[in-house]
C-alpha atoms as a PDB file:
ATOM      1  CA  MET A   1       8.791  45.149  29.204  1.00  0.00           C
ATOM      2  CA  ILE A   2       5.240  44.252  28.132  1.00  0.00           C
ATOM      3  CA  ASP A   3       4.664  40.760  26.758  1.00  0.00           C
ATOM      4  CA  LEU A   4       2.194  41.026  23.858  1.00  0.00           C
ATOM      5  CA  THR A   5       2.289  37.371  22.755  1.00  0.00           C
ATOM      6  CA  LEU A   6      -0.898  35.336  22.878  1.00  0.00           C
ATOM      7  CA  ASN A   7      -0.567  32.195  24.941  1.00  0.00           C
ATOM      8  CA  ILE A   8      -3.310  30.305  23.152  1.00  0.00           C
ATOM      9  CA  LEU A   9      -3.192  26.513  22.998  1.00  0.00           C
ATOM     10  CA  GLY A  10      -4.520  24.208  20.255  1.00  0.00           C
ATOM     11  CA  GLY A  11      -8.015  23.682  21.689  1.00  0.00           C
ATOM     12  CA  GLU A  12      -8.528  27.377  22.184  1.00  0.00           C
ATOM     13  CA  TRP A  13      -7.699  28.009  18.503  1.00  0.00           C
ATOM     14  CA  MET A  14     -10.474  25.607  17.534  1.00  0.00           C
ATOM     15  CA  ILE A  15     -12.966  27.635  19.586  1.00  0.00           C
ATOM     16  CA  ILE A  16     -11.764  30.899  18.026  1.00  0.00           C
ATOM     17  CA  ILE A  17     -12.043  29.459  14.495  1.00  0.00           C
ATOM     18  CA  PHE A  18     -15.520  28.069  15.235  1.00  0.00           C
ATOM     19  CA  VAL A  19     -16.733  31.429  16.563  1.00  0.00           C
ATOM     20  CA  ALA A  20     -15.261  33.231  13.520  1.00  0.00           C
ATOM     21  CA  LEU A  21     -17.066  30.803  11.199  1.00  0.00           C
ATOM     22  CA  MET A  22     -20.329  31.336  13.068  1.00  0.00           C
ATOM     23  CA  LEU A  23     -19.975  35.092  12.672  1.00  0.00           C
ATOM     24  CA  PHE A  24     -18.961  34.845   9.029  1.00  0.00           C
ATOM     25  CA  LEU A  25     -21.356  32.155   7.759  1.00  0.00           C
ATOM     26  CA  GLY A  26     -24.183  32.336  10.253  1.00  0.00           C
ATOM     27  CA  THR A  27     -25.984  29.409  11.778  1.00  0.00           C
ATOM     28  CA  GLY A  28     -27.918  28.555   8.610  1.00  0.00           C
ATOM     29  CA  GLN A  29     -24.971  28.028   6.289  1.00  0.00           C
ATOM     30  CA  LEU A  30     -22.587  26.378   8.744  1.00  0.00           C
ATOM     31  CA  PRO A  31     -23.961  22.803   8.373  1.00  0.00           C
ATOM     32  CA  GLY A  32     -23.795  23.009   4.563  1.00  0.00           C
ATOM     33  CA  ALA A  33     -20.231  24.334   4.691  1.00  0.00           C
ATOM     34  CA  ALA A  34     -19.266  21.518   7.078  1.00  0.00           C
ATOM     35  CA  ARG A  35     -20.726  18.926   4.674  1.00  0.00           C
ATOM     36  CA  LYS A  36     -18.827  20.419   1.746  1.00  0.00           C
ATOM     37  CA  LEU A  37     -15.630  20.432   3.765  1.00  0.00           C
ATOM     38  CA  GLY A  38     -16.219  16.798   4.726  1.00  0.00           C
ATOM     39  CA  ARG A  39     -16.698  15.838   1.069  1.00  0.00           C
ATOM     40  CA  VAL A  40     -13.495  17.635   0.096  1.00  0.00           C
ATOM     41  CA  VAL A  41     -11.522  15.884   2.839  1.00  0.00           C
ATOM     42  CA  ASN A  42     -13.028  12.543   1.762  1.00  0.00           C
ATOM     43  CA  GLU A  43     -12.016  13.114  -1.886  1.00  0.00           C
ATOM     44  CA  ILE A  44      -8.496  14.069  -0.824  1.00  0.00           C
ATOM     45  CA  ASN A  45      -8.199  10.888   1.248  1.00  0.00           C
ATOM     46  CA  LYS A  46      -9.484   8.765  -1.664  1.00  0.00           C
ATOM     47  CA  ALA A  47      -6.980  10.340  -4.054  1.00  0.00           C
ATOM     48  CA  LYS A  48      -4.164   9.864  -1.553  1.00  0.00           C
ATOM     49  CA  ALA A  49      -5.082   6.189  -1.075  1.00  0.00           C
ATOM     50  CA  GLU A  50      -5.243   5.667  -4.850  1.00  0.00           C
ATOM     51  CA  VAL A  51      -1.794   7.172  -5.359  1.00  0.00           C
ATOM     52  CA  GLN A  52      -0.380   5.056  -2.529  1.00  0.00           C
ATOM     53  CA  ASN A  53      -1.888   1.910  -4.087  1.00  0.00           C
ATOM     54  CA  GLN A  54      -0.395   2.753  -7.475  1.00  0.00           C
ATOM     55  CA  ILE A  55       3.020   3.290  -5.895  1.00  0.00           C
ATOM     56  CA  LYS A  56       2.730  -0.060  -4.102  1.00  0.00           C
ATOM     57  CA  GLU A  57       1.788  -1.818  -7.371  1.00  0.00           C
ATOM     58  CA  VAL A  58       4.763  -0.334  -9.181  1.00  0.00           C
ATOM     59  CA  SER A  59       7.141  -1.221  -6.372  1.00  0.00           C
ATOM     60  CA  LYS A  60       5.779  -4.788  -6.218  1.00  0.00           C
ATOM     61  CA  GLU A  61       6.595  -5.352  -9.883  1.00  0.00           C
ATOM     62  CA  GLY A  62      10.255  -4.696  -9.063  1.00  0.00           C
ATOM     63  CA  MET A  63      13.127  -5.890 -11.143  1.00  0.00           C
ATOM     64  CA  ASP A  64      13.994  -8.920  -8.987  1.00  0.00           C
ATOM     65  CA  VAL A  65      17.734  -8.362  -9.127  1.00  0.00           C
ATOM     66  CA  ALA A  66      19.305 -10.729  -6.610  1.00  0.00           C
ATOM     67  CA  GLY A  67      22.872  -9.661  -7.198  1.00  0.00           C
ATOM     68  CA  PRO A  68      25.172  -8.065  -9.710  1.00  0.00           C
ATOM     69  CA  VAL A  69      24.371  -8.699 -13.352  1.00  0.00           C
ATOM     70  CA  GLU A  70      26.607 -11.234 -15.038  1.00  0.00           C
ATOM     71  CA  ASN A  71      26.637  -9.827 -18.568  1.00  0.00           C
ATOM     72  CA  GLU A  72      25.424  -6.991 -20.774  1.00  0.00           C
ATOM     73  CA  ARG A  73      22.423  -9.008 -22.023  1.00  0.00           C
ATOM     74  CA  GLN A  74      21.119  -9.564 -18.493  1.00  0.00           C
ATOM     75  CA  LYS A  75      21.462  -5.841 -17.727  1.00  0.00           C
ATOM     76  CA  ASN A  76      19.576  -4.938 -20.920  1.00  0.00           C
ATOM     77  CA  GLU A  77      16.815  -7.439 -20.114  1.00  0.00           C
ATOM     78  CA  ILE A  78      16.323  -5.914 -16.648  1.00  0.00           C
ATOM     79  CA  ILE A  79      16.172  -2.416 -18.105  1.00  0.00           C
ATOM     80  CA  ALA A  80      13.795  -3.552 -20.865  1.00  0.00           C
ATOM     81  CA  LYS A  81      11.432  -5.196 -18.366  1.00  0.00           C
ATOM     82  CA  SER A  82      11.357  -2.024 -16.255  1.00  0.00           C
ATOM     83  CA  LEU A  83      10.405  -0.071 -19.401  1.00  0.00           C
ATOM     84  CA  GLY A  84       7.685  -2.554 -20.370  1.00  0.00           C
ATOM     85  CA  ILE A  85       9.593  -4.119 -23.281  1.00  0.00           C
ATOM     86  CA  SER A  86       9.518  -7.890 -23.721  1.00  0.00           C
ATOM     87  CA  PRO A  87      13.119  -9.004 -24.439  1.00  0.00           C
ATOM     88  CA  ALA A  88      12.127 -12.471 -25.706  1.00  0.00           C
ATOM     89  CA  GLY A  89      13.337 -13.238 -29.232  1.00  0.00           C
ATOM     90  CA  ILE A  90      15.172  -9.936 -29.704  1.00  0.00           C
ATOM     91  CA  THR A  91      18.869  -9.619 -30.448  1.00  0.00           C
ATOM     92  CA  ASP A  92      21.126  -7.571 -28.207  1.00  0.00           C
ATOM     93  CA  GLU A  93      21.430  -4.754 -30.743  1.00  0.00           C
ATOM     94  CA  GLU A  94      17.669  -4.552 -31.316  1.00  0.00           C
ATOM     95  CA  LEU A  95      17.080  -4.580 -27.570  1.00  0.00           C
ATOM     96  CA  GLN A  96      19.546  -1.731 -27.054  1.00  0.00           C
ATOM     97  CA  LYS A  97      17.870   0.298 -29.815  1.00  0.00           C
ATOM     98  CA  LEU A  98      14.432  -0.262 -28.267  1.00  0.00           C
ATOM     99  CA  ILE A  99      15.722   0.797 -24.848  1.00  0.00           C
ATOM    100  CA  GLN A 100      17.388   3.896 -26.288  1.00  0.00           C
ATOM    101  CA  GLY A 101      14.233   4.816 -28.183  1.00  0.00           C
ATOM    102  CA  ARG A 102      12.048   4.368 -25.091  1.00  0.00           C
ATOM    103  CA  MET A 103      14.395   6.385 -22.874  1.00  0.00           C
ATOM    104  CA  GLY A 104      14.682   9.259 -25.350  1.00  0.00           C
ATOM    105  CA  HIS A 105      18.297   8.663 -26.344  1.00  0.00           C
ATOM    106  CA  GLY A 106      17.214   7.737 -29.842  1.00  0.00           C
ATOM    107  CA  ARG A 107      17.517  11.403 -30.824  1.00  0.00           C
ATOM    108  CA  ASP A 108      21.244  11.014 -31.423  1.00  0.00           C
ATOM    109  CA  ASN A 109      20.617   8.226 -33.938  1.00  0.00           C
ATOM    110  CA  SER A 110      17.841  10.146 -35.694  1.00  0.00           C
ATOM    111  CA  GLU A 111      20.081  13.218 -36.017  1.00  0.00           C
ATOM    112  CA  ASN A 112      22.839  11.114 -37.552  1.00  0.00           C
ATOM    113  CA  GLN A 113      20.374   9.583 -40.008  1.00  0.00           C
ATOM    114  CA  LYS A 114      19.146  13.045 -41.046  1.00  0.00           C
ATOM    115  CA  LYS A 115      22.703  14.113 -41.833  1.00  0.00           C
ATOM    116  CA  ASP A 116      23.237  11.103 -44.166  1.00  0.00           C
END
């Protein structure tokens, strides 16, 4: 049986791609295309680094939960802090309503109010 597979390694593919680019773009446009490709790769790396930094910042803020919560108020305060709500000076009921509104569960309450 005839083996028609190409036994081409990684370095050989680079040479084939380079020759194809030379034939396609010519020697005059190749440096400009390489610069554009370099800029694109640089922008992608910058965007990737920015996203990674944002993820690190968010994960650093953390909720600082050392163990199980002791009561409902403590649980609500942790949830409120993660949603960017300051729980200081707010009653438990108000805090729960703010959390529900921020998480999108306030629709049930608004539907009930419309019916009344």
